Amino acid sequence: MTAAPASAPLTYDQTGVNYELIDPLKVAAQRAAAQTGAHMAGHGFSEVAASRGESAYVVDVGPMYLASIVECLGTKALLADEMARLTGKSYYDGIAQDTIAMAVNDLITVGATPLVVQAYWAAGGSDWFGDAQRSQALVAGWKRACDICKVAWGGGETPALAGVVADGRVDLAASCTGIISPKERLSVGDRLGAGDAIVLLASSGIHANGVSLARKLAERLPQGYLTDIGNGQTFGEALLAPTVLYSPVTEALAAQGINPHYCANITGHGWRKLLRHPKPLTYRIAQVPPVSPVLAFMQKECQLDDHEAYGTLNMGAGFALFVAAKDAARVVEVAQGLGIPALVAGSVEEGPKQVLIEPIQVVYGADELQLR
């Protein structure tokens, strides 16, 4: 790999990912989709309108709600392929967990218990499936992630799409269906309000968001993915740490009668995701979690200021729960008992729609996240 000059900052827009171009399509699709919800009335069901624009879609089926989501992995498989070439190891067990996490971590934001996961593995040709080491790692990792989340792997689709997917590549995605039962577990922000505490659950690293930026950065580094990030890990190894599966936390909280008022999966748009709900509220962050070494390395090498870094990457926080202040300490205790570091990071206040990250003096206004 030939290193490129590193004289200028490297931002997410430069990787070809521009949310200002992507998000308007999402909004247009949401508006068209909303016109189809009435079709369910003929079957005796109805949509939960407040779930439009949330991370998962919710349907009222009488005694419970159904929630569903489909998500793709993105470009992290390209990173795994390059590291396999460099090291001879397969990283697809972790890649499988990343893919399932993209769906499951979105589904649980609305209070759902994940029930069934479906796989979509689209390769650039049949030869991709012939690599036994890679295929077995993908299957084993997928099954293990399902076991962690206590979901059934229902099936899937494995097309060979020559001419659509690049030769030697794979596009991984997962859909997930779950139930919200009892109905009191529904979490679409109707109870979100001033006085709520904001609890942040730690990430394991980059997860699967910002990988396009990481791949662009690797082109600048003299040793590419084999660059030591300062803790004995190579850049590539650190990037491939599997995404944390947060459903064990939300299920453990439900078992104790703690139902979040709202949740945010901190993926694309970084900490701006704390603004996801349309209510005009101020989210004041008084403490930030430790930044994982790989993200600190990326911020330094890409020359990102805090506003750009926290607005693009998870910076140590993979999932946010907005809970009653009286429950906050218990939420932290439950998460940490499951091996996931957590902290009460701040609180919700009356005021203009914004995120105030006080320790780093960063502010995100309402105009910096337009998802509906």
Protein backbone atom coordinates (compact mmCIF):
# COMPACT_ATOMS: atom_id res chain seq x y z
CA MET A 1 0.00 0.00 0.00
CA THR A 2 1.44 3.39 -0.99
CA ALA A 3 0.91 6.12 1.56
CA ALA A 4 -0.70 9.36 0.37
CA PRO A 5 0.33 12.82 1.60
CA ALA A 6 -1.20 13.61 4.98
CA SER A 7 -0.99 17.38 4.91
CA ALA A 8 -4.73 18.15 4.98
CA PRO A 9 -7.53 17.01 7.29
CA LEU A 10 -9.49 13.98 6.13
CA THR A 11 -13.27 14.19 6.65
CA TYR A 12 -16.15 11.82 6.04
CA ASP A 13 -17.41 13.83 3.06
CA GLN A 14 -14.13 13.14 1.26
CA THR A 15 -14.81 9.38 1.36
CA GLY A 16 -17.89 9.75 -0.83
CA VAL A 17 -20.35 9.50 2.08
CA ASN A 18 -22.34 12.73 2.21
CA TYR A 19 -25.40 12.61 4.45
CA GLU A 20 -26.63 15.91 3.01
CA LEU A 21 -27.24 13.99 -0.22
CA ILE A 22 -28.43 10.74 1.37
CA ASP A 23 -30.80 12.05 4.06
CA PRO A 24 -33.22 13.89 1.71
CA LEU A 25 -33.94 10.57 -0.01
CA LYS A 26 -34.62 8.99 3.37
CA VAL A 27 -37.07 11.77 4.22
CA ALA A 28 -38.83 11.47 0.84
CA ALA A 29 -39.10 7.70 1.28
CA GLN A 30 -40.54 8.11 4.79
CA ARG A 31 -43.21 10.48 3.53
CA ALA A 32 -44.23 8.10 0.74
CA ALA A 33 -44.14 5.11 3.09
CA ALA A 34 -46.36 6.86 5.62
CA GLN A 35 -49.13 6.89 3.02
CA THR A 36 -49.10 3.08 2.93
CA GLY A 37 -49.67 2.43 6.62
CA ALA A 38 -53.45 2.50 6.24
CA HIS A 39 -53.31 -0.71 4.19
CA MET A 40 -53.02 -2.68 7.43
CA ALA A 41 -56.49 -1.64 8.56
CA GLY A 42 -57.98 -4.24 6.23
CA HIS A 43 -56.17 -6.90 8.22
CA GLY A 44 -57.27 -5.52 11.57
CA PHE A 45 -53.90 -4.00 12.45
CA SER A 46 -52.47 -0.50 12.60
CA GLU A 47 -49.08 1.12 12.59
CA VAL A 48 -47.64 3.05 15.51
CA ALA A 49 -47.31 6.35 13.70
CA ALA A 50 -44.71 7.64 16.15
CA SER A 51 -42.34 4.90 15.00
CA ARG A 52 -42.06 6.53 11.55
CA GLY A 53 -38.56 8.00 11.42
CA GLU A 54 -37.34 5.90 14.32
CA SER A 55 -34.75 3.11 14.05
CA ALA A 56 -37.43 0.41 13.78
CA TYR A 57 -41.02 0.26 12.53
CA VAL A 58 -43.78 -0.78 14.93
CA VAL A 59 -47.18 -2.37 14.24
CA ASP A 60 -50.02 -2.78 16.76
CA VAL A 61 -51.33 -6.35 16.49
CA GLY A 62 -53.63 -6.26 19.53
CA PRO A 63 -52.09 -7.91 22.59
CA MET A 64 -48.57 -6.76 21.64
CA TYR A 65 -46.59 -4.73 19.16
CA LEU A 66 -44.41 -6.12 16.36
CA ALA A 67 -41.20 -4.31 15.42
CA SER A 68 -39.01 -4.84 12.38
CA ILE A 69 -35.83 -3.51 10.82
CA VAL A 70 -33.40 -4.23 7.97
CA GLU A 71 -29.81 -3.02 8.02
CA CYS A 72 -26.65 -3.60 6.03
CA LEU A 73 -23.08 -3.86 7.27
CA GLY A 74 -21.59 -1.33 4.89
CA THR A 75 -17.93 -1.44 3.91
CA LYS A 76 -16.44 -3.24 6.91
CA ALA A 77 -16.24 -6.47 4.89
CA LEU A 78 -13.72 -4.74 2.60
CA LEU A 79 -11.55 -4.09 5.63
CA ALA A 80 -11.80 -7.74 6.69
CA ASP A 81 -10.83 -8.86 3.19
CA GLU A 82 -7.74 -6.64 3.15
CA MET A 83 -6.65 -7.79 6.60
CA ALA A 84 -7.10 -11.40 5.53
CA ARG A 85 -4.79 -10.72 2.61
CA LEU A 86 -2.21 -9.15 4.92
CA THR A 87 -2.38 -11.64 7.80
CA GLY A 88 -3.85 -14.87 6.44
CA LYS A 89 -6.55 -14.77 9.11
CA SER A 90 -10.30 -14.70 8.61
CA TYR A 91 -12.19 -11.99 10.44
CA TYR A 92 -15.65 -12.98 9.26
CA ASP A 93 -16.77 -14.32 12.63
CA GLY A 94 -16.60 -10.76 13.94
CA ILE A 95 -18.01 -9.37 10.69
CA ALA A 96 -21.07 -11.58 11.22
CA GLN A 97 -21.62 -10.07 14.67
CA ASP A 98 -21.25 -6.58 13.21
CA THR A 99 -23.99 -7.30 10.69
CA ILE A 100 -26.44 -8.65 13.23
CA ALA A 101 -25.65 -5.78 15.58
CA MET A 102 -26.64 -3.26 12.92
CA ALA A 103 -30.16 -4.71 12.94
CA VAL A 104 -30.58 -5.80 16.57
CA ASN A 105 -29.20 -2.58 18.07
CA ASP A 106 -31.69 -0.60 15.99
CA LEU A 107 -34.62 -2.88 16.83
CA ILE A 108 -34.19 -2.56 20.59
CA THR A 109 -34.39 1.24 20.50
CA VAL A 110 -38.20 0.96 20.36
CA GLY A 111 -38.37 -1.42 23.32
CA ALA A 112 -38.50 -4.64 21.34
CA THR A 113 -37.29 -8.10 22.25
CA PRO A 114 -35.54 -9.51 19.15
CA LEU A 115 -37.08 -12.81 18.01
CA VAL A 116 -35.89 -13.69 14.51
CA VAL A 117 -32.93 -12.69 12.36
CA GLN A 118 -32.72 -13.28 8.59
CA ALA A 119 -29.47 -13.19 6.63
CA TYR A 120 -28.71 -11.55 3.29
CA TRP A 121 -25.28 -12.45 1.90
CA ALA A 122 -24.90 -11.24 -1.69
CA ALA A 123 -21.59 -12.10 -3.35
CA GLY A 124 -20.02 -10.91 -6.58
CA GLY A 125 -19.90 -14.50 -7.83
CA SER A 126 -20.34 -18.10 -6.74
CA ASP A 127 -16.60 -18.43 -6.09
CA TRP A 128 -16.92 -16.24 -2.98
CA PHE A 129 -18.81 -19.01 -1.20
CA GLY A 130 -16.09 -21.54 -2.06
CA ASP A 131 -13.60 -20.15 0.47
CA ALA A 132 -14.29 -22.64 3.27
CA GLN A 133 -12.38 -20.77 6.01
CA ARG A 134 -14.25 -17.54 5.34
CA SER A 135 -17.66 -19.17 4.90
CA GLN A 136 -17.35 -21.27 8.05
CA ALA A 137 -16.27 -18.23 10.05
CA LEU A 138 -19.27 -16.27 8.77
CA VAL A 139 -21.69 -19.06 9.71
CA ALA A 140 -20.12 -19.64 13.13
CA GLY A 141 -20.04 -15.94 13.97
CA TRP A 142 -23.62 -15.44 12.83
CA LYS A 143 -24.84 -18.31 14.98
CA ARG A 144 -22.86 -17.12 18.02
CA ALA A 145 -24.29 -13.59 17.73
CA CYS A 146 -27.79 -15.06 17.53
CA ASP A 147 -27.07 -17.04 20.70
CA ILE A 148 -25.89 -13.89 22.52
CA CYS A 149 -29.09 -12.07 21.55
CA LYS A 150 -31.25 -15.16 22.11
CA VAL A 151 -32.80 -14.87 18.65
CA ALA A 152 -33.68 -17.54 16.12
CA TRP A 153 -31.85 -17.50 12.81
CA GLY A 154 -34.79 -17.99 10.51
CA GLY A 155 -33.05 -18.27 7.16
CA GLY A 156 -31.77 -15.98 4.47
CA GLU A 157 -30.72 -15.32 0.90
CA THR A 158 -27.31 -15.98 -0.69
CA PRO A 159 -27.39 -14.60 -4.24
CA ALA A 160 -24.41 -14.44 -6.58
CA LEU A 161 -24.74 -11.01 -8.21
CA ALA A 162 -22.01 -10.71 -10.80
CA GLY A 163 -22.04 -7.22 -12.27
CA VAL A 164 -23.92 -5.79 -9.28
CA VAL A 165 -21.54 -6.71 -6.46
CA ALA A 166 -17.83 -6.48 -7.33
CA ASP A 167 -16.03 -9.74 -8.05
CA GLY A 168 -14.54 -11.22 -4.87
CA ARG A 169 -16.71 -9.04 -2.62
CA VAL A 170 -19.80 -9.58 -0.49
CA ASP A 171 -22.65 -7.33 0.64
CA LEU A 172 -23.90 -8.41 4.07
CA ALA A 173 -27.23 -7.41 5.60
CA ALA A 174 -29.68 -8.61 8.23
CA SER A 175 -33.33 -8.10 9.01
CA CYS A 176 -34.77 -8.58 12.46
CA THR A 177 -38.29 -8.94 13.81
CA GLY A 178 -39.23 -8.62 17.45
CA ILE A 179 -42.12 -8.14 19.85
CA ILE A 180 -42.88 -5.41 22.35
CA SER A 181 -44.64 -7.16 25.20
CA PRO A 182 -46.02 -5.95 27.47
CA LYS A 183 -47.00 -2.90 25.47
CA GLU A 184 -45.65 -0.64 28.23
CA ARG A 185 -42.16 -1.39 26.89
CA LEU A 186 -42.82 0.67 23.75
CA SER A 187 -40.16 3.37 23.53
CA VAL A 188 -40.80 5.94 20.82
CA GLY A 189 -40.19 9.07 22.86
CA ASP A 190 -43.68 9.89 24.12
CA ARG A 191 -42.33 9.77 27.70
CA LEU A 192 -39.05 11.53 26.88
CA GLY A 193 -38.79 14.83 28.72
CA ALA A 194 -36.93 17.26 30.92
CA GLY A 195 -35.41 15.62 33.98
CA ASP A 196 -34.54 12.37 32.25
CA ALA A 197 -31.00 11.07 32.66
CA ILE A 198 -28.82 10.14 29.68
CA VAL A 199 -26.92 6.88 30.15
CA LEU A 200 -24.25 6.01 27.58
CA LEU A 201 -23.16 2.42 26.96
CA ALA A 202 -19.58 1.94 25.80
CA SER A 203 -18.64 0.97 22.28
CA SER A 204 -15.93 -1.57 21.45
CA GLY A 205 -14.31 0.68 18.88
CA ILE A 206 -15.48 1.96 15.51
CA HIS A 207 -18.35 -0.58 15.31
CA ALA A 208 -19.47 -0.38 11.65
CA ASN A 209 -19.80 3.38 11.29
CA GLY A 210 -17.03 5.52 9.85
CA VAL A 211 -15.28 2.59 8.19
CA SER A 212 -15.12 4.44 4.86
CA LEU A 213 -13.13 7.14 6.65
CA ALA A 214 -10.87 4.53 8.25
CA ARG A 215 -10.20 2.91 4.87
CA LYS A 216 -9.30 6.29 3.39
CA LEU A 217 -6.97 6.97 6.31
CA ALA A 218 -5.21 3.63 5.79
CA GLU A 219 -4.16 4.86 2.36
CA ARG A 220 -2.26 7.69 4.05
CA LEU A 221 -0.41 5.57 6.58
CA PRO A 222 3.05 4.27 5.61
CA GLN A 223 2.18 0.81 6.96
CA GLY A 224 -1.51 0.99 6.16
CA TYR A 225 -3.65 -1.33 8.25
CA LEU A 226 -0.53 -2.80 9.87
CA THR A 227 0.29 0.54 11.53
CA ASP A 228 0.60 0.27 15.33
CA ILE A 229 -1.96 2.61 16.89
CA GLY A 230 0.13 2.95 20.04
CA ASN A 231 -1.17 0.15 22.21
CA GLY A 232 0.37 -2.85 20.45
CA GLN A 233 -2.60 -3.30 18.14
CA THR A 234 -2.49 -2.75 14.43
CA PHE A 235 -4.95 -0.29 12.92
CA GLY A 236 -6.70 -3.10 11.05
CA GLU A 237 -7.06 -5.36 14.09
CA ALA A 238 -8.46 -2.54 16.19
CA LEU A 239 -10.97 -1.58 13.51
CA LEU A 240 -12.21 -5.17 13.33
CA ALA A 241 -13.27 -5.40 16.97
CA PRO A 242 -16.88 -6.65 16.70
CA THR A 243 -19.75 -4.27 17.41
CA VAL A 244 -21.26 -4.63 20.88
CA LEU A 245 -24.67 -6.33 21.01
CA TYR A 246 -26.78 -4.28 23.41
CA SER A 247 -29.97 -6.39 23.57
CA PRO A 248 -28.81 -8.29 26.69
CA VAL A 249 -28.82 -4.93 28.51
CA THR A 250 -32.29 -3.85 27.40
CA GLU A 251 -33.70 -7.29 28.19
CA ALA A 252 -32.11 -7.29 31.65
CA LEU A 253 -33.54 -3.83 32.32
CA ALA A 254 -37.02 -4.95 31.24
CA ALA A 255 -36.78 -7.92 33.59
CA GLN A 256 -36.29 -5.43 36.41
CA GLY A 257 -39.17 -3.23 35.30
CA ILE A 258 -36.97 -0.46 33.88
CA ASN A 259 -38.32 0.79 30.56
CA PRO A 260 -36.27 3.56 28.87
CA HIS A 261 -38.20 6.64 27.81
CA TYR A 262 -36.18 6.69 24.58
CA CYS A 263 -33.06 5.11 23.07
CA ALA A 264 -30.58 6.04 20.36
CA ASN A 265 -28.21 3.72 18.55
CA ILE A 266 -25.11 5.85 17.97
CA THR A 267 -24.13 4.89 14.44
CA GLY A 268 -24.15 7.21 11.41
CA HIS A 269 -24.06 10.91 12.38
CA GLY A 270 -22.20 10.11 15.63
CA TRP A 271 -23.41 11.95 18.72
CA ARG A 272 -25.80 13.99 16.60
CA LYS A 273 -28.02 10.90 16.93
CA LEU A 274 -28.90 12.14 20.41
CA LEU A 275 -31.09 14.67 18.54
CA ARG A 276 -33.11 11.98 16.79
CA HIS A 277 -36.46 12.57 18.48
CA PRO A 278 -38.39 15.57 17.10
CA LYS A 279 -39.20 17.06 20.52
CA PRO A 280 -37.54 20.45 21.18
CA LEU A 281 -35.31 19.47 24.09
CA THR A 282 -31.76 20.20 25.18
CA TYR A 283 -29.45 17.27 25.86
CA ARG A 284 -26.72 18.39 28.25
CA ILE A 285 -23.69 16.08 28.47
CA ALA A 286 -21.57 16.62 31.59
CA GLN A 287 -19.31 13.55 31.23
CA VAL A 288 -17.94 11.80 28.18
CA PRO A 289 -16.73 8.18 28.17
CA PRO A 290 -13.12 7.24 27.42
CA VAL A 291 -12.39 7.29 23.70
CA SER A 292 -11.20 3.91 22.44
CA PRO A 293 -7.59 3.90 21.18
CA VAL A 294 -8.57 3.31 17.55
CA LEU A 295 -10.94 6.27 17.49
CA ALA A 296 -8.40 8.53 19.23
CA PHE A 297 -5.87 7.42 16.61
CA MET A 298 -8.30 8.23 13.81
CA GLN A 299 -9.13 11.65 15.19
CA LYS A 300 -5.46 12.54 15.44
CA GLU A 301 -4.38 11.14 12.07
CA CYS A 302 -7.40 12.54 10.21
CA GLN A 303 -6.91 15.91 11.97
CA LEU A 304 -10.54 16.06 13.04
CA ASP A 305 -11.63 18.66 15.55
CA ASP A 306 -14.03 17.50 18.28
CA HIS A 307 -17.10 18.81 16.47
CA GLU A 308 -16.29 16.73 13.39
CA ALA A 309 -15.12 13.66 15.33
CA TYR A 310 -18.11 13.42 17.66
CA GLY A 311 -20.48 14.26 14.81
CA THR A 312 -19.13 11.40 12.69
CA LEU A 313 -17.86 8.61 15.00
CA ASN A 314 -19.22 7.08 18.20
CA MET A 315 -16.18 8.26 20.19
CA GLY A 316 -16.62 5.63 22.88
CA ALA A 317 -20.43 5.62 23.19
CA GLY A 318 -22.31 3.03 21.17
CA PHE A 319 -25.82 3.32 22.61
CA ALA A 320 -27.78 5.94 24.59
CA LEU A 321 -30.66 5.31 26.98
CA PHE A 322 -32.85 8.16 28.18
CA VAL A 323 -34.30 6.99 31.49
CA ALA A 324 -36.02 8.32 34.58
CA ALA A 325 -33.38 9.92 36.79
CA LYS A 326 -34.23 7.54 39.63
CA ASP A 327 -33.33 4.56 37.42
CA ALA A 328 -30.04 5.87 36.01
CA ALA A 329 -27.67 4.38 38.56
CA ARG A 330 -29.36 0.99 38.29
CA VAL A 331 -29.08 1.07 34.49
CA VAL A 332 -25.33 1.59 34.82
CA GLU A 333 -25.10 -1.25 37.33
CA VAL A 334 -27.01 -3.66 35.09
CA ALA A 335 -24.94 -2.82 32.00
CA GLN A 336 -21.65 -3.16 33.84
CA GLY A 337 -22.80 -6.46 35.33
CA LEU A 338 -23.07 -7.69 31.75
CA GLY A 339 -19.56 -6.51 30.96
CA ILE A 340 -20.52 -3.29 29.15
CA PRO A 341 -19.08 -0.10 30.71
CA ALA A 342 -21.65 2.64 31.17
CA LEU A 343 -22.00 6.05 32.77
CA VAL A 344 -24.65 8.63 33.58
CA ALA A 345 -23.42 11.19 31.08
CA GLY A 346 -25.95 13.98 31.39
CA SER A 347 -29.59 15.00 31.44
CA VAL A 348 -32.48 16.23 29.35
CA GLU A 349 -33.64 19.82 29.83
CA GLU A 350 -36.31 22.17 28.55
CA GLY A 351 -34.89 24.40 25.87
CA PRO A 352 -33.99 24.56 22.19
CA LYS A 353 -33.29 21.31 20.39
CA GLN A 354 -29.54 20.84 20.78
CA VAL A 355 -26.81 18.65 22.23
CA LEU A 356 -24.35 20.42 24.54
CA ILE A 357 -21.22 18.35 25.17
CA GLU A 358 -19.74 20.48 27.92
CA PRO A 359 -16.38 18.73 28.56
CA ILE A 360 -15.27 19.37 24.95
CA GLN A 361 -17.36 22.52 24.33
CA VAL A 362 -19.19 21.10 21.33
CA VAL A 363 -22.75 22.04 20.38
CA TYR A 364 -24.99 20.34 17.80
CA GLY A 365 -28.12 22.22 16.80
CA ALA A 366 -31.39 20.93 15.40
CA ASP A 367 -30.31 21.73 11.84
CA GLU A 368 -27.40 19.25 12.10
CA LEU A 369 -29.62 16.15 11.99
CA GLN A 370 -32.50 15.96 9.52
CA LEU A 371 -33.87 12.41 9.47
CA ARG A 372 -37.61 13.07 9.13
